[in-house]
């Protein structure tokens, strides 16, 4: 049986992973800028290699984060459907629906 508590947990999970994804994307942008700056300045090859490794690690986190977000979204969809079936409503349901919309919009944007 779907409960408000479990709905809040699933919604929170989606929001947390979404925040994490945005954080990784910003980190990749920052590290990419730093890498290109180092290349332009003709930085030491060893330092440049280290920086490229940092950038690659940051990039590797994004697909993993997306997978976890999609799984969390799936869980949230399921519990939301259960709650709607039993005609439960409230602030938590509205918040879950808006989180679903936000995550779906992000996923569609990234697939385009």
PDB file of N, CA and C in Angstrom:
ATOM      1  N   UNK A   1       0.852  -1.193   0.000  1.00  0.00           N
ATOM      2  CA  UNK A   1       0.000   0.000   0.000  1.00  0.00           C
ATOM      3  C   UNK A   1       0.890   1.247   0.000  1.00  0.00           C
ATOM      4  N   UNK A   2       0.635   2.132  -0.929  1.00  0.00           N
ATOM      5  CA  UNK A   2       1.396   3.372  -1.030  1.00  0.00           C
ATOM      6  C   UNK A   2       0.974   4.325   0.087  1.00  0.00           C
ATOM      7  N   UNK A   3       1.943   4.897   0.737  1.00  0.00           N
ATOM      8  CA  UNK A   3       1.646   5.839   1.810  1.00  0.00           C
ATOM      9  C   UNK A   3       2.226   7.201   1.479  1.00  0.00           C
ATOM     10  N   UNK A   4       1.735   8.205   2.168  1.00  0.00           N
ATOM     11  CA  UNK A   4       2.233   9.565   1.968  1.00  0.00           C
ATOM     12  C   UNK A   4       3.721   9.606   2.310  1.00  0.00           C
ATOM     13  N   UNK A   5       4.086   8.884   3.349  1.00  0.00           N
ATOM     14  CA  UNK A   5       5.492   8.865   3.783  1.00  0.00           C
ATOM     15  C   UNK A   5       6.395   8.309   2.673  1.00  0.00           C
ATOM     16  N   UNK A   6       5.988   7.185   2.076  1.00  0.00           N
ATOM     17  CA  UNK A   6       6.823   6.605   1.021  1.00  0.00           C
ATOM     18  C   UNK A   6       6.832   7.499  -0.221  1.00  0.00           C
ATOM     19  N   UNK A   7       5.721   8.187  -0.477  1.00  0.00           N
ATOM     20  CA  UNK A   7       5.682   9.132  -1.599  1.00  0.00           C
ATOM     21  C   UNK A   7       6.673  10.275  -1.359  1.00  0.00           C
ATOM     22  N   UNK A   8       6.697  10.784  -0.127  1.00  0.00           N
ATOM     23  CA  UNK A   8       7.626  11.870   0.209  1.00  0.00           C
ATOM     24  C   UNK A   8       9.072  11.407   0.066  1.00  0.00           C
ATOM     25  N   UNK A   9       9.340  10.169   0.454  1.00  0.00           N
ATOM     26  CA  UNK A   9      10.699   9.625   0.351  1.00  0.00           C
ATOM     27  C   UNK A   9      11.111   9.521  -1.119  1.00  0.00           C
ATOM     28  N   UNK A  10      10.243   8.961  -1.954  1.00  0.00           N
ATOM     29  CA  UNK A  10      10.556   8.805  -3.386  1.00  0.00           C
ATOM     30  C   UNK A  10      10.714  10.171  -4.065  1.00  0.00           C
ATOM     31  N   UNK A  11       9.875  11.127  -3.684  1.00  0.00           N
ATOM     32  CA  UNK A  11       9.981  12.475  -4.244  1.00  0.00           C
ATOM     33  C   UNK A  11      11.311  13.095  -3.839  1.00  0.00           C
ATOM     34  N   UNK A  12      11.660  12.946  -2.564  1.00  0.00           N
ATOM     35  CA  UNK A  12      12.927  13.470  -2.061  1.00  0.00           C
ATOM     36  C   UNK A  12      14.121  12.853  -2.763  1.00  0.00           C
ATOM     37  N   UNK A  13      14.037  11.559  -3.022  1.00  0.00           N
ATOM     38  CA  UNK A  13      15.119  10.857  -3.723  1.00  0.00           C
ATOM     39  C   UNK A  13      15.306  11.436  -5.116  1.00  0.00           C
ATOM     40  N   UNK A  14      14.205  11.622  -5.830  1.00  0.00           N
ATOM     41  CA  UNK A  14      14.282  12.200  -7.184  1.00  0.00           C
ATOM     42  C   UNK A  14      14.902  13.591  -7.140  1.00  0.00           C
ATOM     43  N   UNK A  15      14.453  14.394  -6.201  1.00  0.00           N
ATOM     44  CA  UNK A  15      14.975  15.764  -6.101  1.00  0.00           C
ATOM     45  C   UNK A  15      16.472  15.762  -5.782  1.00  0.00           C
ATOM     46  N   UNK A  16      16.874  14.876  -4.884  1.00  0.00           N
ATOM     47  CA  UNK A  16      18.281  14.814  -4.488  1.00  0.00           C
ATOM     48  C   UNK A  16      19.159  14.406  -5.676  1.00  0.00           C
ATOM     49  N   UNK A  17      18.727  13.374  -6.413  1.00  0.00           N
ATOM     50  CA  UNK A  17      19.516  12.908  -7.563  1.00  0.00           C
ATOM     51  C   UNK A  17      19.540  13.981  -8.656  1.00  0.00           C
ATOM     52  N   UNK A  18      18.433  14.678  -8.833  1.00  0.00           N
ATOM     53  CA  UNK A  18      18.369  15.765  -9.812  1.00  0.00           C
ATOM     54  C   UNK A  18      19.380  16.858  -9.451  1.00  0.00           C
ATOM     55  N   UNK A  19      19.428  17.198  -8.184  1.00  0.00           N
ATOM     56  CA  UNK A  19      20.366  18.208  -7.703  1.00  0.00           C
ATOM     57  C   UNK A  19      21.805  17.737  -7.927  1.00  0.00           C
ATOM     58  N   UNK A  20      22.034  16.459  -7.643  1.00  0.00           N
ATOM     59  CA  UNK A  20      23.357  15.857  -7.838  1.00  0.00           C
ATOM     60  C   UNK A  20      23.766  15.924  -9.320  1.00  0.00           C
ATOM     61  N   UNK A  21      22.826  15.616 -10.204  1.00  0.00           N
ATOM     62  CA  UNK A  21      23.091  15.648 -11.644  1.00  0.00           C
ATOM     63  C   UNK A  21      23.476  17.059 -12.088  1.00  0.00           C
ATOM     64  N   UNK A  22      22.711  18.044 -11.631  1.00  0.00           N
ATOM     65  CA  UNK A  22      23.041  19.436 -11.973  1.00  0.00           C
ATOM     66  C   UNK A  22      24.429  19.806 -11.466  1.00  0.00           C
ATOM     67  N   UNK A  23      24.745  19.330 -10.297  1.00  0.00           N
ATOM     68  CA  UNK A  23      26.054  19.611  -9.703  1.00  0.00           C
ATOM     69  C   UNK A  23      27.178  19.012 -10.559  1.00  0.00           C
ATOM     70  N   UNK A  24      27.004  17.769 -10.996  1.00  0.00           N
ATOM     71  CA  UNK A  24      28.017  17.129 -11.849  1.00  0.00           C
ATOM     72  C   UNK A  24      28.144  17.857 -13.189  1.00  0.00           C
ATOM     73  N   UNK A  25      27.008  18.282 -13.748  1.00  0.00           N
ATOM     74  CA  UNK A  25      27.058  18.991 -15.023  1.00  0.00           C
ATOM     75  C   UNK A  25      27.824  20.303 -14.890  1.00  0.00           C
ATOM     76  N   UNK A  26      27.602  21.021 -13.782  1.00  0.00           N
ATOM     77  CA  UNK A  26      28.333  22.273 -13.545  1.00  0.00           C
ATOM     78  C   UNK A  26      29.819  21.988 -13.354  1.00  0.00           C
ATOM     79  N   UNK A  27      30.109  20.903 -12.646  1.00  0.00           N
ATOM     80  CA  UNK A  27      31.501  20.532 -12.405  1.00  0.00           C
ATOM     81  C   UNK A  27      32.205  20.231 -13.727  1.00  0.00           C
ATOM     82  N   UNK A  28      31.527  19.523 -14.625  1.00  0.00           N
ATOM     83  CA  UNK A  28      32.114  19.201 -15.927  1.00  0.00           C
ATOM     84  C   UNK A  28      32.399  20.490 -16.708  1.00  0.00           C
ATOM     85  N   UNK A  29      31.452  21.413 -16.689  1.00  0.00           N
ATOM     86  CA  UNK A  29      31.671  22.698 -17.381  1.00  0.00           C
ATOM     87  C   UNK A  29      32.893  23.408 -16.809  1.00  0.00           C
ATOM     88  N   UNK A  30      32.971  23.456 -15.477  1.00  0.00           N
ATOM     89  CA  UNK A  30      34.077  24.144 -14.818  1.00  0.00           C
ATOM     90  C   UNK A  30      35.418  23.482 -15.143  1.00  0.00           C
ATOM     91  N   UNK A  31      35.447  22.150 -15.066  1.00  0.00           N
ATOM     92  CA  UNK A  31      36.688  21.418 -15.335  1.00  0.00           C
ATOM     93  C   UNK A  31      37.078  21.507 -16.810  1.00  0.00           C
ATOM     94  N   UNK A  32      36.086  21.521 -17.708  1.00  0.00           N
ATOM     95  CA  UNK A  32      36.375  21.644 -19.141  1.00  0.00           C
ATOM     96  C   UNK A  32      36.991  23.016 -19.429  1.00  0.00           C
ATOM     97  N   UNK A  33      36.446  24.036 -18.796  1.00  0.00           N
ATOM     98  CA  UNK A  33      36.995  25.385 -18.982  1.00  0.00           C
ATOM     99  C   UNK A  33      38.420  25.452 -18.445  1.00  0.00           C
ATOM    100  N   UNK A  34      38.634  24.836 -17.295  1.00  0.00           N
ATOM    101  CA  UNK A  34      39.968  24.827 -16.689  1.00  0.00           C
ATOM    102  C   UNK A  34      40.958  24.085 -17.595  1.00  0.00           C
ATOM    103  N   UNK A  35      40.503  22.956 -18.168  1.00  0.00           N
ATOM    104  CA  UNK A  35      41.357  22.168 -19.066  1.00  0.00           C
ATOM    105  C   UNK A  35      41.743  22.968 -20.299  1.00  0.00           C
ATOM    106  N   UNK A  36      40.756  23.611 -20.927  1.00  0.00           N
ATOM    107  CA  UNK A  36      41.079  24.372 -22.142  1.00  0.00           C
ATOM    108  C   UNK A  36      41.962  25.575 -21.806  1.00  0.00           C
ATOM    109  N   UNK A  37      41.749  26.165 -20.645  1.00  0.00           N
ATOM    110  CA  UNK A  37      42.604  27.275 -20.213  1.00  0.00           C
ATOM    111  C   UNK A  37      44.048  26.807 -20.044  1.00  0.00           C
ATOM    112  N   UNK A  38      44.192  25.620 -19.452  1.00  0.00           N
ATOM    113  CA  UNK A  38      45.544  25.065 -19.244  1.00  0.00           C
ATOM    114  C   UNK A  38      46.220  24.792 -20.597  1.00  0.00           C
ATOM    115  N   UNK A  39      45.429  24.290 -21.566  1.00  0.00           N
ATOM    116  CA  UNK A  39      45.980  24.016 -22.903  1.00  0.00           C
ATOM    117  C   UNK A  39      46.452  25.310 -23.564  1.00  0.00           C
ATOM    118  N   UNK A  40      45.630  26.346 -23.452  1.00  0.00           N
ATOM    119  CA  UNK A  40      45.977  27.636 -24.060  1.00  0.00           C
ATOM    120  C   UNK A  40      47.243  28.229 -23.442  1.00  0.00           C
ATOM    121  N   UNK A  41      47.392  28.044 -22.132  1.00  0.00           N
ATOM    122  CA  UNK A  41      48.563  28.595 -21.451  1.00  0.00           C
ATOM    123  C   UNK A  41      49.801  27.727 -21.648  1.00  0.00           C
ATOM    124  N   UNK A  42      49.618  26.578 -22.281  1.00  0.00           N
ATOM    125  CA  UNK A  42      50.743  25.675 -22.500  1.00  0.00           C
ATOM    126  C   UNK A  42      51.247  25.095 -21.182  1.00  0.00           C
ATOM    127  N   UNK A  43      50.314  24.619 -20.375  1.00  0.00           N
ATOM    128  CA  UNK A  43      50.655  24.067 -19.054  1.00  0.00           C
ATOM    129  C   UNK A  43      51.531  22.816 -19.193  1.00  0.00           C
ATOM    130  N   UNK A  44      52.168  22.486 -18.114  1.00  0.00           N
ATOM    131  CA  UNK A  44      53.000  21.286 -18.032  1.00  0.00           C
ATOM    132  C   UNK A  44      52.177  20.071 -18.471  1.00  0.00           C
ATOM    133  N   UNK A  45      52.723  19.216 -19.349  1.00  0.00           N
ATOM    134  CA  UNK A  45      51.965  18.052 -19.853  1.00  0.00           C
ATOM    135  C   UNK A  45      51.441  17.142 -18.734  1.00  0.00           C
ATOM    136  N   UNK A  46      52.231  16.982 -17.674  1.00  0.00           N
ATOM    137  CA  UNK A  46      51.786  16.128 -16.562  1.00  0.00           C
ATOM    138  C   UNK A  46      50.556  16.749 -15.892  1.00  0.00           C
ATOM    139  N   UNK A  47      50.615  18.052 -15.614  1.00  0.00           N
ATOM    140  CA  UNK A  47      49.481  18.742 -14.984  1.00  0.00           C
ATOM    141  C   UNK A  47      48.247  18.687 -15.877  1.00  0.00           C
ATOM    142  N   UNK A  48      48.478  18.861 -17.170  1.00  0.00           N
ATOM    143  CA  UNK A  48      47.375  18.822 -18.128  1.00  0.00           C
ATOM    144  C   UNK A  48      46.741  17.428 -18.139  1.00  0.00           C
ATOM    145  N   UNK A  49      47.559  16.406 -18.105  1.00  0.00           N
ATOM    146  CA  UNK A  49      47.057  15.024 -18.087  1.00  0.00           C
ATOM    147  C   UNK A  49      46.220  14.783 -16.827  1.00  0.00           C
ATOM    148  N   UNK A  50      46.708  15.273 -15.689  1.00  0.00           N
ATOM    149  CA  UNK A  50      45.968  15.127 -14.425  1.00  0.00           C
ATOM    150  C   UNK A  50      44.604  15.819 -14.542  1.00  0.00           C
ATOM    151  N   UNK A  51      44.610  17.025 -15.103  1.00  0.00           N
ATOM    152  CA  UNK A  51      43.373  17.783 -15.261  1.00  0.00           C
ATOM    153  C   UNK A  51      42.408  17.060 -16.199  1.00  0.00           C
ATOM    154  N   UNK A  52      42.932  16.467 -17.269  1.00  0.00           N
ATOM    155  CA  UNK A  52      42.078  15.712 -18.192  1.00  0.00           C
ATOM    156  C   UNK A  52      41.466  14.500 -17.493  1.00  0.00           C
ATOM    157  N   UNK A  53      42.221  13.884 -16.588  1.00  0.00           N
ATOM    158  CA  UNK A  53      41.687  12.759 -15.812  1.00  0.00           C
ATOM    159  C   UNK A  53      40.549  13.212 -14.901  1.00  0.00           C
ATOM    160  N   UNK A  54      40.717  14.374 -14.274  1.00  0.00           N
ATOM    161  CA  UNK A  54      39.672  14.926 -13.402  1.00  0.00           C
ATOM    162  C   UNK A  54      38.406  15.167 -14.228  1.00  0.00           C
ATOM    163  N   UNK A  55      38.585  15.749 -15.413  1.00  0.00           N
ATOM    164  CA  UNK A  55      37.454  16.022 -16.301  1.00  0.00           C
ATOM    165  C   UNK A  55      36.763  14.715 -16.727  1.00  0.00           C
ATOM    166  N   UNK A  56      37.548  13.712 -17.074  1.00  0.00           N
ATOM    167  CA  UNK A  56      36.982  12.420 -17.486  1.00  0.00           C
ATOM    168  C   UNK A  56      36.197  11.778 -16.344  1.00  0.00           C
ATOM    169  N   UNK A  57      36.728  11.863 -15.129  1.00  0.00           N
ATOM    170  CA  UNK A  57      36.017  11.298 -13.970  1.00  0.00           C
ATOM    171  C   UNK A  57      34.693  11.997 -13.749  1.00  0.00           C
ATOM    172  N   UNK A  58      34.697  13.308 -13.869  1.00  0.00           N
ATOM    173  CA  UNK A  58      33.460  14.078 -13.699  1.00  0.00           C
ATOM    174  C   UNK A  58      32.437  13.675 -14.759  1.00  0.00           C
ATOM    175  N   UNK A  59      32.909  13.524 -15.998  1.00  0.00           N
ATOM    176  CA  UNK A  59      31.999  13.132 -17.091  1.00  0.00           C
ATOM    177  C   UNK A  59      31.416  11.744 -16.861  1.00  0.00           C
ATOM    178  N   UNK A  60      32.194  10.844 -16.269  1.00  0.00           N
ATOM    179  CA  UNK A  60      31.720   9.471 -16.036  1.00  0.00           C
ATOM    180  C   UNK A  60      30.597   9.427 -15.002  1.00  0.00           C
ATOM    181  N   UNK A  61      30.528  10.411 -14.141  1.00  0.00           N
ATOM    182  CA  UNK A  61      29.500  10.411 -13.099  1.00  0.00           C
ATOM    183  C   UNK A  61      28.110  10.728 -13.656  1.00  0.00           C
ATOM    184  N   UNK A  62      28.061  11.456 -14.755  1.00  0.00           N
ATOM    185  CA  UNK A  62      26.774  11.896 -15.291  1.00  0.00           C
ATOM    186  C   UNK A  62      25.886  10.737 -15.771  1.00  0.00           C
ATOM    187  N   UNK A  63      26.398   9.794 -16.594  1.00  0.00           N
ATOM    188  CA  UNK A  63      25.520   8.687 -17.021  1.00  0.00           C
ATOM    189  C   UNK A  63      25.013   7.845 -15.847  1.00  0.00           C
ATOM    190  N   UNK A  64      25.881   7.616 -14.854  1.00  0.00           N
ATOM    191  CA  UNK A  64      25.478   6.853 -13.675  1.00  0.00           C
ATOM    192  C   UNK A  64      24.363   7.590 -12.932  1.00  0.00           C
ATOM    193  N   UNK A  65      24.533   8.869 -12.789  1.00  0.00           N
ATOM    194  CA  UNK A  65      23.547   9.696 -12.107  1.00  0.00           C
ATOM    195  C   UNK A  65      22.214   9.678 -12.870  1.00  0.00           C
ATOM    196  N   UNK A  66      22.293   9.744 -14.193  1.00  0.00           N
ATOM    197  CA  UNK A  66      21.072   9.704 -15.016  1.00  0.00           C
ATOM    198  C   UNK A  66      20.336   8.382 -14.840  1.00  0.00           C
ATOM    199  N   UNK A  67      21.108   7.283 -14.805  1.00  0.00           N
ATOM    200  CA  UNK A  67      20.483   5.962 -14.624  1.00  0.00           C
ATOM    201  C   UNK A  67      19.745   5.895 -13.293  1.00  0.00           C
ATOM    202  N   UNK A  68      20.400   6.392 -12.248  1.00  0.00           N
ATOM    203  CA  UNK A  68      19.771   6.387 -10.921  1.00  0.00           C
ATOM    204  C   UNK A  68      18.536   7.275 -10.902  1.00  0.00           C
ATOM    205  N   UNK A  69      18.604   8.395 -11.623  1.00  0.00           N
ATOM    206  CA  UNK A  69      17.463   9.306 -11.692  1.00  0.00           C
ATOM    207  C   UNK A  69      16.293   8.640 -12.409  1.00  0.00           C
ATOM    208  N   UNK A  70      16.579   7.934 -13.496  1.00  0.00           N
ATOM    209  CA  UNK A  70      15.514   7.240 -14.226  1.00  0.00           C
ATOM    210  C   UNK A  70      14.876   6.147 -13.371  1.00  0.00           C
ATOM    211  N   UNK A  71      15.688   5.434 -12.605  1.00  0.00           N
ATOM    212  CA  UNK A  71      15.152   4.397 -11.714  1.00  0.00           C
ATOM    213  C   UNK A  71      14.286   5.024 -10.622  1.00  0.00           C
ATOM    214  N   UNK A  72      14.758   6.127 -10.051  1.00  0.00           N
ATOM    215  CA  UNK A  72      14.001   6.818  -9.005  1.00  0.00           C
ATOM    216  C   UNK A  72      12.691   7.368  -9.566  1.00  0.00           C
ATOM    217  N   UNK A  73      12.751   7.863 -10.796  1.00  0.00           N
ATOM    218  CA  UNK A  73      11.547   8.378 -11.455  1.00  0.00           C
ATOM    219  C   UNK A  73      10.534   7.263 -11.660  1.00  0.00           C
ATOM    220  N   UNK A  74      11.020   6.107 -12.061  1.00  0.00           N
ATOM    221  CA  UNK A  74      10.151   4.950 -12.255  1.00  0.00           C
ATOM    222  C   UNK A  74       9.457   4.570 -10.943  1.00  0.00           C
ATOM    223  N   UNK A  75      10.231   4.537  -9.858  1.00  0.00           N
ATOM    224  CA  UNK A  75       9.659   4.238  -8.532  1.00  0.00           C
ATOM    225  C   UNK A  75       8.595   5.267  -8.154  1.00  0.00           C
ATOM    226  N   UNK A  76       8.913   6.536  -8.403  1.00  0.00           N
ATOM    227  CA  UNK A  76       7.986   7.607  -8.052  1.00  0.00           C
ATOM    228  C   UNK A  76       6.706   7.502  -8.880  1.00  0.00           C
ATOM    229  N   UNK A  77       6.842   7.181 -10.167  1.00  0.00           N
ATOM    230  CA  UNK A  77       5.666   6.981 -11.034  1.00  0.00           C
ATOM    231  C   UNK A  77       4.766   5.897 -10.451  1.00  0.00           C
ATOM    232  N   UNK A  78       5.372   4.788 -10.075  1.00  0.00           N
ATOM    233  CA  UNK A  78       4.612   3.647  -9.574  1.00  0.00           C
ATOM    234  C   UNK A  78       3.825   4.010  -8.314  1.00  0.00           C
ATOM    235  N   UNK A  79       4.493   4.655  -7.380  1.00  0.00           N
ATOM    236  CA  UNK A  79       3.829   4.982  -6.123  1.00  0.00           C
ATOM    237  C   UNK A  79       2.773   6.060  -6.317  1.00  0.00           C
ATOM    238  N   UNK A  80       3.039   6.983  -7.233  1.00  0.00           N
ATOM    239  CA  UNK A  80       2.074   8.042  -7.540  1.00  0.00           C
ATOM    240  C   UNK A  80       0.817   7.431  -8.155  1.00  0.00           C
ATOM    241  N   UNK A  81       1.001   6.470  -9.057  1.00  0.00           N
ATOM    242  CA  UNK A  81      -0.142   5.792  -9.684  1.00  0.00           C
ATOM    243  C   UNK A  81      -0.985   5.073  -8.631  1.00  0.00           C
ATOM    244  N   UNK A  82      -0.295   4.403  -7.688  1.00  0.00           N
ATOM    245  CA  UNK A  82      -1.013   3.709  -6.609  1.00  0.00           C
ATOM    246  C   UNK A  82      -1.839   4.682  -5.784  1.00  0.00           C
ATOM    247  N   UNK A  83      -1.254   5.807  -5.474  1.00  0.00           N
ATOM    248  CA  UNK A  83      -1.957   6.791  -4.646  1.00  0.00           C
ATOM    249  C   UNK A  83      -3.146   7.389  -5.384  1.00  0.00           C
ATOM    250  N   UNK A  84      -3.000   7.589  -6.681  1.00  0.00           N
ATOM    251  CA  UNK A  84      -4.118   8.133  -7.462  1.00  0.00           C
ATOM    252  C   UNK A  84      -5.246   7.112  -7.558  1.00  0.00           C
ATOM    253  N   UNK A  85      -4.855   5.816  -7.688  1.00  0.00           N
ATOM    254  CA  UNK A  85      -5.863   4.753  -7.742  1.00  0.00           C
ATOM    255  C   UNK A  85      -6.711   4.738  -6.487  1.00  0.00           C
ATOM    256  N   UNK A  86      -6.059   4.923  -5.345  1.00  0.00           N
ATOM    257  CA  UNK A  86      -6.798   4.920  -4.086  1.00  0.00           C
ATOM    258  C   UNK A  86      -7.338   6.315  -3.772  1.00  0.00           C
ATOM    259  N   UNK A  87      -7.298   7.188  -4.786  1.00  0.00           N
ATOM    260  CA  UNK A  87      -7.870   8.528  -4.719  1.00  0.00           C
ATOM    261  C   UNK A  87      -7.311   9.378  -3.579  1.00  0.00           C
ATOM    262  N   UNK A  88      -6.038   9.204  -3.313  1.00  0.00           N
ATOM    263  CA  UNK A  88      -5.403  10.034  -2.286  1.00  0.00           C
ATOM    264  C   UNK A  88      -4.897  11.309  -2.933  1.00  0.00           C
ATOM    265  N   UNK A  89      -5.074  12.404  -2.253  1.00  0.00           N
ATOM    266  CA  UNK A  89      -4.609  13.683  -2.767  1.00  0.00           C
ATOM    267  C   UNK A  89      -3.944  14.462  -1.650  1.00  0.00           C
ATOM    268  N   UNK A  90      -3.341  15.568  -2.026  1.00  0.00           N
ATOM    269  CA  UNK A  90      -2.713  16.415  -1.018  1.00  0.00           C
ATOM    270  C   UNK A  90      -1.484  17.102  -1.565  1.00  0.00           C
ATOM    271  N   UNK A  91      -0.862  17.853  -0.700  1.00  0.00           N
ATOM    272  CA  UNK A  91       0.330  18.612  -1.062  1.00  0.00           C
ATOM    273  C   UNK A  91       1.424  17.677  -1.572  1.00  0.00           C
ATOM    274  N   UNK A  92       1.593  16.531  -0.923  1.00  0.00           N
ATOM    275  CA  UNK A  92       2.647  15.587  -1.294  1.00  0.00           C
ATOM    276  C   UNK A  92       2.450  15.062  -2.714  1.00  0.00           C
ATOM    277  N   UNK A  93       1.191  14.790  -3.077  1.00  0.00           N
ATOM    278  CA  UNK A  93       0.889  14.293  -4.422  1.00  0.00           C
ATOM    279  C   UNK A  93       1.216  15.368  -5.456  1.00  0.00           C
ATOM    280  N   UNK A  94       0.829  16.597  -5.173  1.00  0.00           N
ATOM    281  CA  UNK A  94       1.117  17.712  -6.092  1.00  0.00           C
ATOM    282  C   UNK A  94       2.627  17.908  -6.240  1.00  0.00           C
ATOM    283  N   UNK A  95       3.338  17.826  -5.131  1.00  0.00           N
ATOM    284  CA  UNK A  95       4.796  17.992  -5.164  1.00  0.00           C
ATOM    285  C   UNK A  95       5.436  16.863  -5.977  1.00  0.00           C
ATOM    286  N   UNK A  96       4.936  15.642  -5.786  1.00  0.00           N
ATOM    287  CA  UNK A  96       5.460  14.498  -6.534  1.00  0.00           C
ATOM    288  C   UNK A  96       5.204  14.686  -8.028  1.00  0.00           C
ATOM    289  N   UNK A  97       4.005  15.153  -8.372  1.00  0.00           N
ATOM    290  CA  UNK A  97       3.675  15.368  -9.782  1.00  0.00           C
ATOM    291  C   UNK A  97       4.579  16.433 -10.402  1.00  0.00           C
ATOM    292  N   UNK A  98       4.859  17.490  -9.663  1.00  0.00           N
ATOM    293  CA  UNK A  98       5.720  18.538 -10.220  1.00  0.00           C
ATOM    294  C   UNK A  98       7.154  18.037 -10.353  1.00  0.00           C
ATOM    295  N   UNK A  99       7.590  17.197  -9.419  1.00  0.00           N
ATOM    296  CA  UNK A  99       8.931  16.611  -9.511  1.00  0.00           C
ATOM    297  C   UNK A  99       9.022  15.696 -10.727  1.00  0.00           C
ATOM    298  N   UNK A 100       7.996  14.881 -10.945  1.00  0.00           N
ATOM    299  CA  UNK A 100       7.952  13.992 -12.116  1.00  0.00           C
ATOM    300  C   UNK A 100       8.057  14.821 -13.394  1.00  0.00           C
ATOM    301  N   UNK A 101       7.288  15.903 -13.466  1.00  0.00           N
ATOM    302  CA  UNK A 101       7.295  16.758 -14.664  1.00  0.00           C
ATOM    303  C   UNK A 101       8.685  17.356 -14.881  1.00  0.00           C
ATOM    304  N   UNK A 102       9.311  17.814 -13.808  1.00  0.00           N
ATOM    305  CA  UNK A 102      10.645  18.423 -13.904  1.00  0.00           C
ATOM    306  C   UNK A 102      11.680  17.410 -14.398  1.00  0.00           C
ATOM    307  N   UNK A 103      11.639  16.206 -13.822  1.00  0.00           N
ATOM    308  CA  UNK A 103      12.610  15.168 -14.201  1.00  0.00           C
ATOM    309  C   UNK A 103      12.370  14.708 -15.639  1.00  0.00           C
ATOM    310  N   UNK A 104      11.110  14.511 -16.008  1.00  0.00           N
ATOM    311  CA  UNK A 104      10.807  14.079 -17.372  1.00  0.00           C
ATOM    312  C   UNK A 104      11.258  15.125 -18.395  1.00  0.00           C
ATOM    313  N   UNK A 105      11.060  16.396 -18.090  1.00  0.00           N
ATOM    314  CA  UNK A 105      11.473  17.472 -18.984  1.00  0.00           C
ATOM    315  C   UNK A 105      12.986  17.429 -19.170  1.00  0.00           C
ATOM    316  N   UNK A 106      13.715  17.202 -18.091  1.00  0.00           N
ATOM    317  CA  UNK A 106      15.173  17.131 -18.163  1.00  0.00           C
ATOM    318  C   UNK A 106      15.612  15.939 -19.004  1.00  0.00           C
ATOM    319  N   UNK A 107      14.993  14.801 -18.786  1.00  0.00           N
ATOM    320  CA  UNK A 107      15.364  13.585 -19.535  1.00  0.00           C
ATOM    321  C   UNK A 107      15.096  13.773 -21.026  1.00  0.00           C
ATOM    322  N   UNK A 108      13.940  14.367 -21.370  1.00  0.00           N
ATOM    323  CA  UNK A 108      13.618  14.598 -22.782  1.00  0.00           C
ATOM    324  C   UNK A 108      14.574  15.595 -23.419  1.00  0.00           C
ATOM    325  N   UNK A 109      14.940  16.630 -22.676  1.00  0.00           N
ATOM    326  CA  UNK A 109      15.890  17.626 -23.178  1.00  0.00           C
ATOM    327  C   UNK A 109      17.225  16.980 -23.484  1.00  0.00           C
ATOM    328  N   UNK A 110      17.669  16.091 -22.606  1.00  0.00           N
ATOM    329  CA  UNK A 110      18.968  15.434 -22.789  1.00  0.00           C
ATOM    330  C   UNK A 110      18.954  14.413 -23.913  1.00  0.00           C
ATOM    331  N   UNK A 111      17.779  13.865 -24.226  1.00  0.00           N
ATOM    332  CA  UNK A 111      17.698  12.879 -25.303  1.00  0.00           C
ATOM    333  C   UNK A 111      17.633  13.547 -26.671  1.00  0.00           C
ATOM    334  N   UNK A 112      17.165  14.782 -26.701  1.00  0.00           N
ATOM    335  CA  UNK A 112      16.999  15.503 -27.968  1.00  0.00           C
ATOM    336  C   UNK A 112      18.328  15.893 -28.574  1.00  0.00           C
TER     337      UNK A 112
END
